[in-house]
Amino acid sequence: MQLVISSVTATGLRINNSEVVDIDQARAAITSLDHATDMVNQERSYLGSMQNRLALTTSNLASQTQNIEASHSNIQGTDFAADAAELAKH
């Protein structure tokens, strides 16, 4: 899994330091900010999904570790000689 994080700086979001003198410039600035907000929301969504995937992977690995430790404990507790003798009787 590869995590790629986009730039969310003013430059990365293409937010210009433009003056707002008239209504056309105000509309352009609002459009630019709307676009930047959309980009930040998409990045947050992506990072949230990656965080969920990592949490699920961590949970699965913890479960597997617990199962392996339980199996290992069962194997260590087995008296193979006694079990083999018991099986030979039947």
C-alpha atoms as a PDB file:
ATOM      1  CA  MET A   1       0.000   0.000   0.000  1.00  0.00           C
ATOM      2  CA  GLN A   2       1.361   3.356  -0.973  1.00  0.00           C
ATOM      3  CA  LEU A   3       0.158   6.595   0.571  1.00  0.00           C
ATOM      4  CA  VAL A   4       0.341   9.659  -1.668  1.00  0.00           C
ATOM      5  CA  ILE A   5      -0.514  12.980  -0.067  1.00  0.00           C
ATOM      6  CA  SER A   6      -1.291  15.942  -2.294  1.00  0.00           C
ATOM      7  CA  SER A   7      -0.075  19.418  -1.471  1.00  0.00           C
ATOM      8  CA  VAL A   8      -2.696  21.426   0.390  1.00  0.00           C
ATOM      9  CA  THR A   9      -0.661  24.597   0.656  1.00  0.00           C
ATOM     10  CA  ALA A  10      -1.904  27.800  -0.939  1.00  0.00           C
ATOM     11  CA  THR A  11       0.369  27.115  -3.897  1.00  0.00           C
ATOM     12  CA  GLY A  12      -0.725  23.486  -4.170  1.00  0.00           C
ATOM     13  CA  LEU A  13      -4.374  24.539  -4.027  1.00  0.00           C
ATOM     14  CA  ARG A  14      -3.740  27.237  -6.640  1.00  0.00           C
ATOM     15  CA  ILE A  15      -5.060  30.021  -4.446  1.00  0.00           C
ATOM     16  CA  ASN A  16      -3.734  33.264  -5.837  1.00  0.00           C
ATOM     17  CA  ASN A  17      -2.997  36.373  -3.842  1.00  0.00           C
ATOM     18  CA  SER A  18      -5.118  38.457  -6.159  1.00  0.00           C
ATOM     19  CA  GLU A  19      -6.848  41.676  -5.382  1.00  0.00           C
ATOM     20  CA  VAL A  20     -10.604  41.810  -5.282  1.00  0.00           C
ATOM     21  CA  VAL A  21     -11.463  45.199  -6.719  1.00  0.00           C
ATOM     22  CA  ASP A  22     -14.598  44.481  -8.710  1.00  0.00           C
ATOM     23  CA  ILE A  23     -17.363  41.907  -8.819  1.00  0.00           C
ATOM     24  CA  ASP A  24     -15.680  39.791 -11.512  1.00  0.00           C
ATOM     25  CA  GLN A  25     -12.549  39.427  -9.399  1.00  0.00           C
ATOM     26  CA  ALA A  26     -14.714  38.587  -6.370  1.00  0.00           C
ATOM     27  CA  ARG A  27     -16.476  35.844  -8.356  1.00  0.00           C
ATOM     28  CA  ALA A  28     -13.129  34.487  -9.553  1.00  0.00           C
ATOM     29  CA  ALA A  29     -11.797  34.463  -5.980  1.00  0.00           C
ATOM     30  CA  ILE A  30     -14.896  32.628  -4.725  1.00  0.00           C
ATOM     31  CA  THR A  31     -14.594  30.072  -7.526  1.00  0.00           C
ATOM     32  CA  SER A  32     -10.926  29.569  -6.660  1.00  0.00           C
ATOM     33  CA  LEU A  33     -11.760  29.088  -2.970  1.00  0.00           C
ATOM     34  CA  ASP A  34     -14.578  26.654  -3.830  1.00  0.00           C
ATOM     35  CA  HIS A  35     -12.146  24.615  -5.899  1.00  0.00           C
ATOM     36  CA  ALA A  36      -9.576  24.665  -3.079  1.00  0.00           C
ATOM     37  CA  THR A  37     -12.235  23.552  -0.577  1.00  0.00           C
ATOM     38  CA  ASP A  38     -13.175  20.659  -2.870  1.00  0.00           C
ATOM     39  CA  MET A  39      -9.532  19.613  -3.164  1.00  0.00           C
ATOM     40  CA  VAL A  40      -9.062  19.692   0.630  1.00  0.00           C
ATOM     41  CA  ASN A  41     -12.254  17.666   1.143  1.00  0.00           C
ATOM     42  CA  GLN A  42     -11.106  15.061  -1.389  1.00  0.00           C
ATOM     43  CA  GLU A  43      -7.745  14.790   0.341  1.00  0.00           C
ATOM     44  CA  ARG A  44      -9.387  14.441   3.756  1.00  0.00           C
ATOM     45  CA  SER A  45     -11.637  11.701   2.385  1.00  0.00           C
ATOM     46  CA  TYR A  46      -8.679   9.869   0.880  1.00  0.00           C
ATOM     47  CA  LEU A  47      -6.675  10.103   4.111  1.00  0.00           C
ATOM     48  CA  GLY A  48      -9.665   8.910   6.134  1.00  0.00           C
ATOM     49  CA  SER A  49     -10.084   5.864   3.906  1.00  0.00           C
ATOM     50  CA  MET A  50      -6.386   5.063   4.190  1.00  0.00           C
ATOM     51  CA  GLN A  51      -6.587   5.431   7.974  1.00  0.00           C
ATOM     52  CA  ASN A  52      -9.497   2.977   8.027  1.00  0.00           C
ATOM     53  CA  ARG A  53      -7.549   0.495   5.902  1.00  0.00           C
ATOM     54  CA  LEU A  54      -4.557   0.734   8.228  1.00  0.00           C
ATOM     55  CA  ALA A  55      -6.766   0.271  11.292  1.00  0.00           C
ATOM     56  CA  LEU A  56      -8.361  -2.825   9.758  1.00  0.00           C
ATOM     57  CA  THR A  57      -4.956  -4.232   8.844  1.00  0.00           C
ATOM     58  CA  THR A  58      -3.706  -3.608  12.385  1.00  0.00           C
ATOM     59  CA  SER A  59      -6.756  -5.343  13.834  1.00  0.00           C
ATOM     60  CA  ASN A  60      -6.323  -8.339  11.518  1.00  0.00           C
ATOM     61  CA  LEU A  61      -2.645  -8.652  12.376  1.00  0.00           C
ATOM     62  CA  ALA A  62      -3.404  -8.499  16.105  1.00  0.00           C
ATOM     63  CA  SER A  63      -5.996 -11.248  15.697  1.00  0.00           C
ATOM     64  CA  GLN A  64      -3.599 -13.415  13.706  1.00  0.00           C
ATOM     65  CA  THR A  65      -0.891 -12.904  16.309  1.00  0.00           C
ATOM     66  CA  GLN A  66      -3.270 -13.942  19.079  1.00  0.00           C
ATOM     67  CA  ASN A  67      -4.319 -17.052  17.132  1.00  0.00           C
ATOM     68  CA  ILE A  68      -0.706 -18.034  16.455  1.00  0.00           C
ATOM     69  CA  GLU A  69       0.208 -17.579  20.119  1.00  0.00           C
ATOM     70  CA  ALA A  70      -2.771 -19.729  21.175  1.00  0.00           C
ATOM     71  CA  SER A  71      -1.793 -22.441  18.676  1.00  0.00           C
ATOM     72  CA  HIS A  72       1.788 -22.301  19.836  1.00  0.00           C
ATOM     73  CA  SER A  73       0.650 -22.678  23.436  1.00  0.00           C
ATOM     74  CA  ASN A  74      -1.494 -25.699  22.516  1.00  0.00           C
ATOM     75  CA  ILE A  75       1.404 -27.323  20.667  1.00  0.00           C
ATOM     76  CA  GLN A  76       3.756 -26.783  23.607  1.00  0.00           C
ATOM     77  CA  GLY A  77       1.196 -28.243  26.026  1.00  0.00           C
ATOM     78  CA  THR A  78       0.735 -31.449  24.036  1.00  0.00           C
ATOM     79  CA  ASP A  79       2.363 -34.592  25.388  1.00  0.00           C
ATOM     80  CA  PHE A  80       3.120 -36.286  22.087  1.00  0.00           C
ATOM     81  CA  ALA A  81       4.205 -39.562  23.673  1.00  0.00           C
ATOM     82  CA  ALA A  82       0.989 -39.884  25.694  1.00  0.00           C
ATOM     83  CA  ASP A  83      -1.158 -38.893  22.723  1.00  0.00           C
ATOM     84  CA  ALA A  84       0.619 -41.375  20.421  1.00  0.00           C
ATOM     85  CA  ALA A  85       0.123 -44.157  22.980  1.00  0.00           C
ATOM     86  CA  GLU A  86      -3.559 -43.266  23.310  1.00  0.00           C
ATOM     87  CA  LEU A  87      -4.000 -43.325  19.533  1.00  0.00           C
ATOM     88  CA  ALA A  88      -2.218 -46.709  19.315  1.00  0.00           C
ATOM     89  CA  LYS A  89      -4.774 -48.210  21.742  1.00  0.00           C
ATOM     90  CA  HIS A  90      -7.630 -47.440  19.362  1.00  0.00           C
END
